[in-house]
């Protein structure tokens, strides 16, 4: 199965991201050990266990399963420790290199970073603005990729 996006993290920001992507018609899965899922599951958003690694467009999960994905959004909390990110050019000096959560790596996005766009970016009440912005960028990229793949 091919997915348009994987959201890593099932907290408020991650679930909001999944909802925005789903509302834009994208196929999305949320990776989280356990969270309040009811409304999103009823809407068709799938949940999977922890992401173990990936290569190209293939994501591998802790249960051994794999999926082809078009985008990954890291929404794993409001911490500033990104030592776990091992993607060339994404972290410099301990900070994520991005523009409003969009990295230079096609299909890799971050949500919940302090001052991602405004002071409110790190506050749960304002993360919706960053979520909507990223969902629009991901949907635009997915439409362009689909158009290029179909000819």
N, C-alpha and C. Protein backbone atom coordinates (compact mmCIF):
# COMPACT_ATOMS: atom_id res chain seq x y z
N UNK A 1 0.84 -1.18 0.00
CA UNK A 1 0.00 0.00 0.00
C UNK A 1 0.89 1.24 0.00
N UNK A 2 0.47 2.25 -0.72
CA UNK A 2 1.20 3.52 -0.76
C UNK A 2 0.40 4.57 -0.01
N UNK A 3 1.10 5.31 0.85
CA UNK A 3 0.48 6.38 1.63
C UNK A 3 1.02 7.71 1.15
N UNK A 4 0.23 8.74 1.34
CA UNK A 4 0.68 10.08 1.02
C UNK A 4 1.55 10.66 2.12
N UNK A 5 1.25 10.30 3.39
CA UNK A 5 2.01 10.88 4.50
C UNK A 5 1.99 9.98 5.71
N UNK A 6 3.07 10.04 6.48
CA UNK A 6 3.19 9.40 7.79
C UNK A 6 3.42 10.52 8.79
N UNK A 7 2.65 10.52 9.87
CA UNK A 7 2.85 11.48 10.96
C UNK A 7 3.43 10.70 12.12
N UNK A 8 4.62 11.07 12.56
CA UNK A 8 5.28 10.41 13.68
C UNK A 8 4.96 11.20 14.93
N UNK A 9 4.17 10.61 15.81
CA UNK A 9 3.77 11.25 17.06
C UNK A 9 2.27 11.45 17.10
N UNK A 10 1.65 10.96 18.16
CA UNK A 10 0.20 11.02 18.27
C UNK A 10 -0.29 11.96 19.35
N UNK A 11 0.51 12.97 19.68
CA UNK A 11 0.05 13.99 20.61
C UNK A 11 -0.88 14.96 19.88
N UNK A 12 -1.21 16.05 20.52
CA UNK A 12 -2.15 17.01 19.94
C UNK A 12 -1.68 17.51 18.57
N UNK A 13 -0.41 17.85 18.45
CA UNK A 13 0.10 18.37 17.17
C UNK A 13 0.04 17.30 16.08
N UNK A 14 0.47 16.08 16.41
CA UNK A 14 0.45 15.00 15.43
C UNK A 14 -0.96 14.65 14.97
N UNK A 15 -1.89 14.58 15.91
CA UNK A 15 -3.27 14.26 15.54
C UNK A 15 -3.90 15.39 14.72
N UNK A 16 -3.57 16.64 15.07
CA UNK A 16 -4.07 17.76 14.27
C UNK A 16 -3.50 17.70 12.85
N UNK A 17 -2.22 17.35 12.74
CA UNK A 17 -1.59 17.22 11.42
C UNK A 17 -2.30 16.15 10.61
N UNK A 18 -2.56 15.00 11.21
CA UNK A 18 -3.25 13.91 10.51
C UNK A 18 -4.63 14.35 10.05
N UNK A 19 -5.33 15.06 10.89
CA UNK A 19 -6.68 15.52 10.54
C UNK A 19 -6.63 16.49 9.35
N UNK A 20 -5.70 17.43 9.38
CA UNK A 20 -5.58 18.39 8.27
C UNK A 20 -5.22 17.69 6.97
N UNK A 21 -4.32 16.73 7.03
CA UNK A 21 -3.93 15.99 5.82
C UNK A 21 -5.11 15.18 5.29
N UNK A 22 -5.82 14.51 6.19
CA UNK A 22 -6.98 13.72 5.79
C UNK A 22 -8.06 14.60 5.14
N UNK A 23 -8.29 15.78 5.69
CA UNK A 23 -9.29 16.69 5.14
C UNK A 23 -8.92 17.17 3.74
N UNK A 24 -7.63 17.12 3.40
CA UNK A 24 -7.17 17.50 2.07
C UNK A 24 -7.15 16.31 1.12
N UNK A 25 -7.72 15.19 1.56
CA UNK A 25 -7.84 14.02 0.71
C UNK A 25 -6.61 13.13 0.64
N UNK A 26 -5.66 13.33 1.56
CA UNK A 26 -4.44 12.52 1.54
C UNK A 26 -4.61 11.28 2.41
N UNK A 27 -3.97 10.18 1.99
CA UNK A 27 -3.96 8.94 2.77
C UNK A 27 -2.83 9.06 3.78
N UNK A 28 -3.19 8.95 5.07
CA UNK A 28 -2.23 9.23 6.14
C UNK A 28 -2.29 8.13 7.20
N UNK A 29 -1.14 7.87 7.80
CA UNK A 29 -1.06 6.96 8.94
C UNK A 29 -0.32 7.70 10.05
N UNK A 30 -0.73 7.44 11.31
CA UNK A 30 -0.10 8.04 12.48
C UNK A 30 0.68 6.94 13.19
N UNK A 31 1.91 7.22 13.55
CA UNK A 31 2.74 6.27 14.30
C UNK A 31 2.78 6.72 15.74
N UNK A 32 2.22 5.89 16.61
CA UNK A 32 2.19 6.23 18.02
C UNK A 32 1.86 4.98 18.82
N UNK A 33 2.42 4.89 20.01
CA UNK A 33 2.20 3.72 20.85
C UNK A 33 0.77 3.67 21.40
N UNK A 34 0.17 4.78 21.64
CA UNK A 34 -1.18 4.80 22.18
C UNK A 34 -1.65 6.22 22.38
N UNK A 35 -2.83 6.52 21.90
CA UNK A 35 -3.35 7.87 22.02
C UNK A 35 -4.86 7.82 21.82
N UNK A 36 -5.53 8.91 21.98
CA UNK A 36 -6.96 9.00 21.72
C UNK A 36 -7.18 9.02 20.22
N UNK A 37 -7.66 7.92 19.68
CA UNK A 37 -7.70 7.75 18.23
C UNK A 37 -9.09 7.74 17.62
N UNK A 38 -10.10 7.55 18.42
CA UNK A 38 -11.44 7.27 17.93
C UNK A 38 -11.91 8.06 16.73
N UNK A 39 -11.92 9.36 16.83
CA UNK A 39 -12.45 10.22 15.76
C UNK A 39 -11.65 10.06 14.47
N UNK A 40 -10.32 10.01 14.59
CA UNK A 40 -9.49 9.87 13.39
C UNK A 40 -9.64 8.49 12.76
N UNK A 41 -9.73 7.44 13.59
CA UNK A 41 -9.92 6.09 13.04
C UNK A 41 -11.25 6.00 12.30
N UNK A 42 -12.28 6.58 12.87
CA UNK A 42 -13.59 6.57 12.20
C UNK A 42 -13.55 7.33 10.88
N UNK A 43 -12.65 8.31 10.78
CA UNK A 43 -12.53 9.10 9.55
C UNK A 43 -11.64 8.40 8.51
N UNK A 44 -10.98 7.30 8.90
CA UNK A 44 -10.16 6.56 7.95
C UNK A 44 -8.66 6.72 8.12
N UNK A 45 -8.21 7.43 9.16
CA UNK A 45 -6.78 7.56 9.42
C UNK A 45 -6.31 6.29 10.11
N UNK A 46 -5.23 5.71 9.61
CA UNK A 46 -4.69 4.47 10.17
C UNK A 46 -3.60 4.78 11.20
N UNK A 47 -3.42 3.86 12.14
CA UNK A 47 -2.38 3.97 13.15
C UNK A 47 -1.46 2.77 13.04
N UNK A 48 -0.16 3.00 13.22
CA UNK A 48 0.85 1.94 13.15
C UNK A 48 1.78 2.09 14.35
N UNK A 49 2.56 1.04 14.66
CA UNK A 49 3.53 1.15 15.75
C UNK A 49 4.71 2.03 15.36
N UNK A 50 5.70 2.10 16.22
CA UNK A 50 6.86 2.96 16.06
C UNK A 50 7.58 2.76 14.73
N UNK A 51 8.01 3.87 14.13
CA UNK A 51 8.82 3.84 12.93
C UNK A 51 10.24 3.44 13.33
N UNK A 52 10.75 2.41 12.68
CA UNK A 52 12.09 1.91 13.02
C UNK A 52 13.14 2.54 12.13
N UNK A 53 12.93 2.55 10.83
CA UNK A 53 13.85 3.20 9.89
C UNK A 53 13.18 3.32 8.54
N UNK A 54 13.90 3.88 7.62
CA UNK A 54 13.36 4.04 6.28
C UNK A 54 14.46 4.26 5.28
N UNK A 55 14.11 4.03 4.03
CA UNK A 55 15.05 4.25 2.94
C UNK A 55 14.23 4.62 1.71
N UNK A 56 14.61 5.72 1.08
CA UNK A 56 13.82 6.19 -0.06
C UNK A 56 12.41 6.51 0.39
N UNK A 57 11.44 5.90 -0.24
CA UNK A 57 10.04 6.09 0.14
C UNK A 57 9.49 4.97 1.02
N UNK A 58 10.34 4.02 1.41
CA UNK A 58 9.89 2.88 2.20
C UNK A 58 10.12 3.14 3.69
N UNK A 59 9.05 3.05 4.47
CA UNK A 59 9.12 3.19 5.92
C UNK A 59 8.99 1.80 6.54
N UNK A 60 9.85 1.48 7.51
CA UNK A 60 9.82 0.20 8.20
C UNK A 60 9.41 0.43 9.65
N UNK A 61 8.48 -0.42 10.12
CA UNK A 61 7.92 -0.27 11.46
C UNK A 61 8.44 -1.32 12.42
N UNK A 62 8.28 -1.08 13.70
CA UNK A 62 8.76 -1.98 14.74
C UNK A 62 8.16 -3.37 14.63
N UNK A 63 6.97 -3.50 14.07
CA UNK A 63 6.35 -4.82 13.93
C UNK A 63 6.82 -5.55 12.67
N UNK A 64 7.77 -4.97 11.93
CA UNK A 64 8.29 -5.60 10.72
C UNK A 64 7.59 -5.20 9.44
N UNK A 65 6.46 -4.51 9.55
CA UNK A 65 5.72 -4.09 8.37
C UNK A 65 6.39 -2.93 7.66
N UNK A 66 6.06 -2.76 6.39
CA UNK A 66 6.58 -1.64 5.59
C UNK A 66 5.45 -0.99 4.82
N UNK A 67 5.64 0.26 4.48
CA UNK A 67 4.71 1.01 3.64
C UNK A 67 5.51 1.97 2.77
N UNK A 68 5.01 2.24 1.59
CA UNK A 68 5.57 3.28 0.73
C UNK A 68 4.87 4.58 1.09
N UNK A 69 5.66 5.64 1.36
CA UNK A 69 5.09 6.91 1.80
C UNK A 69 5.64 8.06 0.97
N UNK A 70 4.84 9.11 0.85
CA UNK A 70 5.25 10.29 0.10
C UNK A 70 5.82 11.39 0.97
N UNK A 71 5.46 11.41 2.26
CA UNK A 71 5.93 12.46 3.16
C UNK A 71 5.98 11.93 4.58
N UNK A 72 6.90 12.48 5.37
CA UNK A 72 6.99 12.15 6.79
C UNK A 72 6.97 13.47 7.56
N UNK A 73 6.09 13.56 8.57
CA UNK A 73 6.02 14.72 9.44
C UNK A 73 6.41 14.27 10.84
N UNK A 74 7.50 14.83 11.38
CA UNK A 74 7.91 14.53 12.74
C UNK A 74 7.19 15.50 13.67
N UNK A 75 6.25 14.98 14.45
CA UNK A 75 5.50 15.78 15.42
C UNK A 75 5.62 15.08 16.77
N UNK A 76 6.85 14.96 17.24
CA UNK A 76 7.12 14.12 18.40
C UNK A 76 7.27 14.87 19.70
N UNK A 77 6.78 16.06 19.77
CA UNK A 77 6.84 16.80 21.02
C UNK A 77 7.59 18.11 20.89
N UNK A 78 7.56 18.88 21.94
CA UNK A 78 8.10 20.22 21.92
C UNK A 78 9.46 20.26 22.62
N UNK A 79 10.33 19.32 22.27
CA UNK A 79 11.68 19.27 22.81
C UNK A 79 12.66 19.79 21.78
N UNK A 80 13.79 20.26 22.25
CA UNK A 80 14.78 20.77 21.30
C UNK A 80 15.93 19.81 21.06
N UNK A 81 15.81 18.55 21.47
CA UNK A 81 16.84 17.54 21.24
C UNK A 81 16.55 16.81 19.94
N UNK A 82 17.38 17.06 18.93
CA UNK A 82 17.19 16.41 17.63
C UNK A 82 18.36 15.49 17.30
N UNK A 83 19.03 15.00 18.34
CA UNK A 83 20.18 14.11 18.13
C UNK A 83 19.78 12.80 17.47
N UNK A 84 18.51 12.45 17.49
CA UNK A 84 18.02 11.22 16.89
C UNK A 84 17.84 11.34 15.38
N UNK A 85 17.92 12.54 14.84
CA UNK A 85 17.74 12.74 13.39
C UNK A 85 19.07 12.50 12.69
N UNK A 86 19.11 11.49 11.85
CA UNK A 86 20.34 11.13 11.14
C UNK A 86 20.13 11.24 9.63
N UNK A 87 19.65 12.37 9.19
CA UNK A 87 19.44 12.65 7.78
C UNK A 87 20.37 13.80 7.41
N UNK A 88 21.27 13.59 6.44
CA UNK A 88 22.23 14.64 6.09
C UNK A 88 21.56 15.97 5.76
N UNK A 89 22.08 17.04 6.37
CA UNK A 89 21.62 18.39 6.08
C UNK A 89 20.37 18.83 6.82
N UNK A 90 19.80 17.98 7.68
CA UNK A 90 18.56 18.33 8.37
C UNK A 90 18.82 19.01 9.71
N UNK A 91 19.89 18.62 10.39
CA UNK A 91 20.22 19.22 11.68
C UNK A 91 21.61 19.84 11.60
N UNK A 92 21.71 21.09 12.01
CA UNK A 92 23.00 21.79 12.05
C UNK A 92 23.10 22.50 13.39
N UNK A 93 24.18 22.26 14.10
CA UNK A 93 24.35 22.90 15.41
C UNK A 93 23.26 22.52 16.39
N UNK A 94 22.73 21.33 16.27
CA UNK A 94 21.68 20.86 17.17
C UNK A 94 20.29 21.34 16.85
N UNK A 95 20.13 22.10 15.77
CA UNK A 95 18.81 22.64 15.40
C UNK A 95 18.39 22.15 14.03
N UNK A 96 17.10 21.98 13.86
CA UNK A 96 16.55 21.56 12.58
C UNK A 96 16.67 22.72 11.59
N UNK A 97 17.16 22.42 10.39
CA UNK A 97 17.27 23.42 9.32
C UNK A 97 15.96 23.33 8.53
N UNK A 98 15.18 24.40 8.57
CA UNK A 98 13.85 24.37 7.94
C UNK A 98 13.36 25.78 7.65
N UNK A 99 12.31 25.86 6.87
CA UNK A 99 11.55 27.07 6.64
C UNK A 99 10.09 26.73 6.95
N UNK A 100 9.60 27.19 8.09
CA UNK A 100 8.23 26.91 8.56
C UNK A 100 7.95 25.42 8.65
N UNK A 101 8.97 24.63 9.00
CA UNK A 101 8.80 23.19 9.17
C UNK A 101 9.11 22.38 7.94
N UNK A 102 9.40 23.04 6.83
CA UNK A 102 9.72 22.37 5.57
C UNK A 102 11.24 22.28 5.46
N UNK A 103 11.79 21.07 5.34
CA UNK A 103 13.23 20.90 5.21
C UNK A 103 13.61 20.87 3.73
N UNK A 104 14.91 20.86 3.47
CA UNK A 104 15.40 20.74 2.09
C UNK A 104 15.33 19.31 1.58
N UNK A 105 14.97 18.37 2.45
CA UNK A 105 14.81 16.97 2.04
C UNK A 105 13.38 16.79 1.56
N UNK A 106 13.17 16.48 0.29
CA UNK A 106 11.80 16.34 -0.22
C UNK A 106 10.99 15.34 0.60
N UNK A 107 9.85 15.80 1.10
CA UNK A 107 8.96 14.92 1.84
C UNK A 107 9.21 14.85 3.33
N UNK A 108 10.18 15.60 3.87
CA UNK A 108 10.45 15.57 5.31
C UNK A 108 10.07 16.91 5.94
N UNK A 109 9.21 16.84 6.96
CA UNK A 109 8.66 18.03 7.59
C UNK A 109 8.74 17.88 9.11
N UNK A 110 8.71 19.00 9.82
CA UNK A 110 8.70 19.01 11.28
C UNK A 110 7.55 19.88 11.76
N UNK A 111 6.97 19.51 12.90
CA UNK A 111 5.89 20.28 13.49
C UNK A 111 6.13 20.38 14.99
N UNK A 112 5.86 21.55 15.56
CA UNK A 112 6.00 21.75 16.99
C UNK A 112 7.32 22.32 17.42
N UNK A 113 8.09 22.84 16.48
CA UNK A 113 9.38 23.43 16.83
C UNK A 113 9.16 24.81 17.45
N UNK A 114 10.00 25.14 18.43
CA UNK A 114 9.94 26.46 19.02
C UNK A 114 10.23 27.51 17.95
N UNK A 115 9.43 28.52 17.86
CA UNK A 115 9.57 29.57 16.85
C UNK A 115 9.59 29.00 15.42
N UNK A 116 8.82 27.95 15.19
CA UNK A 116 8.75 27.38 13.84
C UNK A 116 8.35 28.45 12.84
N UNK A 117 7.39 29.26 13.21
CA UNK A 117 7.02 30.41 12.38
C UNK A 117 6.81 31.65 13.26
N UNK A 118 6.12 31.45 14.38
CA UNK A 118 5.87 32.55 15.30
C UNK A 118 6.13 32.07 16.73
N UNK A 119 6.01 32.98 17.66
CA UNK A 119 6.16 32.59 19.07
C UNK A 119 5.15 31.52 19.44
N UNK A 120 3.97 31.59 18.87
CA UNK A 120 2.91 30.64 19.18
C UNK A 120 3.15 29.23 18.67
N UNK A 121 4.16 29.05 17.81
CA UNK A 121 4.42 27.73 17.25
C UNK A 121 4.65 26.66 18.31
N UNK A 122 5.21 27.00 19.44
CA UNK A 122 5.48 26.02 20.49
C UNK A 122 4.35 25.93 21.51
N UNK A 123 3.26 26.63 21.26
CA UNK A 123 2.12 26.61 22.17
C UNK A 123 0.98 25.82 21.55
N UNK A 124 0.42 24.90 22.31
CA UNK A 124 -0.61 24.02 21.75
C UNK A 124 -1.78 24.77 21.13
N UNK A 125 -2.15 25.89 21.68
CA UNK A 125 -3.27 26.64 21.16
C UNK A 125 -3.02 27.28 19.80
N UNK A 126 -1.77 27.36 19.39
CA UNK A 126 -1.44 28.04 18.13
C UNK A 126 -0.81 27.12 17.09
N UNK A 127 -0.55 25.88 17.44
CA UNK A 127 0.11 24.96 16.51
C UNK A 127 -0.76 24.72 15.27
N UNK A 128 -2.05 25.02 15.37
CA UNK A 128 -2.96 24.81 14.23
C UNK A 128 -2.53 25.62 13.00
N UNK A 129 -1.95 26.79 13.21
CA UNK A 129 -1.51 27.59 12.08
C UNK A 129 -0.37 26.90 11.33
N UNK A 130 0.59 26.35 12.07
CA UNK A 130 1.69 25.62 11.45
C UNK A 130 1.18 24.33 10.81
N UNK A 131 0.22 23.68 11.47
CA UNK A 131 -0.35 22.44 10.94
C UNK A 131 -1.02 22.69 9.60
N UNK A 132 -1.83 23.71 9.51
CA UNK A 132 -2.53 24.02 8.26
C UNK A 132 -1.53 24.37 7.16
N UNK A 133 -0.50 25.15 7.50
CA UNK A 133 0.52 25.52 6.51
C UNK A 133 1.22 24.28 5.97
N UNK A 134 1.67 23.39 6.87
CA UNK A 134 2.36 22.18 6.42
C UNK A 134 1.44 21.27 5.62
N UNK A 135 0.20 21.14 6.04
CA UNK A 135 -0.74 20.29 5.30
C UNK A 135 -0.92 20.80 3.87
N UNK A 136 -0.98 22.11 3.71
CA UNK A 136 -1.08 22.68 2.36
C UNK A 136 0.17 22.38 1.53
N UNK A 137 1.37 22.52 2.13
CA UNK A 137 2.62 22.23 1.41
C UNK A 137 2.69 20.75 1.02
N UNK A 138 2.29 19.87 1.92
CA UNK A 138 2.33 18.43 1.64
C UNK A 138 1.33 18.08 0.54
N UNK A 139 0.12 18.65 0.60
CA UNK A 139 -0.88 18.38 -0.43
C UNK A 139 -0.41 18.89 -1.79
N UNK A 140 0.20 20.06 -1.82
CA UNK A 140 0.73 20.60 -3.09
C UNK A 140 1.81 19.70 -3.65
N UNK A 141 2.72 19.25 -2.79
CA UNK A 141 3.80 18.36 -3.23
C UNK A 141 3.24 17.04 -3.74
N UNK A 142 2.24 16.51 -3.04
CA UNK A 142 1.64 15.24 -3.45
C UNK A 142 0.95 15.38 -4.81
N UNK A 143 0.25 16.47 -5.03
CA UNK A 143 -0.41 16.71 -6.32
C UNK A 143 0.63 16.81 -7.43
N UNK A 144 1.72 17.51 -7.19
CA UNK A 144 2.77 17.65 -8.20
C UNK A 144 3.44 16.31 -8.50
N UNK A 145 3.68 15.52 -7.44
CA UNK A 145 4.29 14.20 -7.62
C UNK A 145 3.37 13.28 -8.39
N UNK A 146 2.09 13.29 -8.05
CA UNK A 146 1.12 12.46 -8.75
C UNK A 146 1.02 12.84 -10.22
N UNK A 147 1.01 14.15 -10.49
CA UNK A 147 0.93 14.62 -11.89
C UNK A 147 2.18 14.20 -12.66
N UNK A 148 3.34 14.31 -12.04
CA UNK A 148 4.60 13.93 -12.71
C UNK A 148 4.65 12.42 -12.96
N UNK A 149 4.13 11.62 -12.00
CA UNK A 149 4.15 10.16 -12.15
C UNK A 149 3.20 9.67 -13.24
N UNK A 150 2.11 10.42 -13.45
CA UNK A 150 1.11 9.97 -14.42
C UNK A 150 1.39 10.48 -15.84
N UNK A 151 2.41 11.25 -16.00
CA UNK A 151 2.77 11.55 -17.36
C UNK A 151 2.93 12.96 -17.66
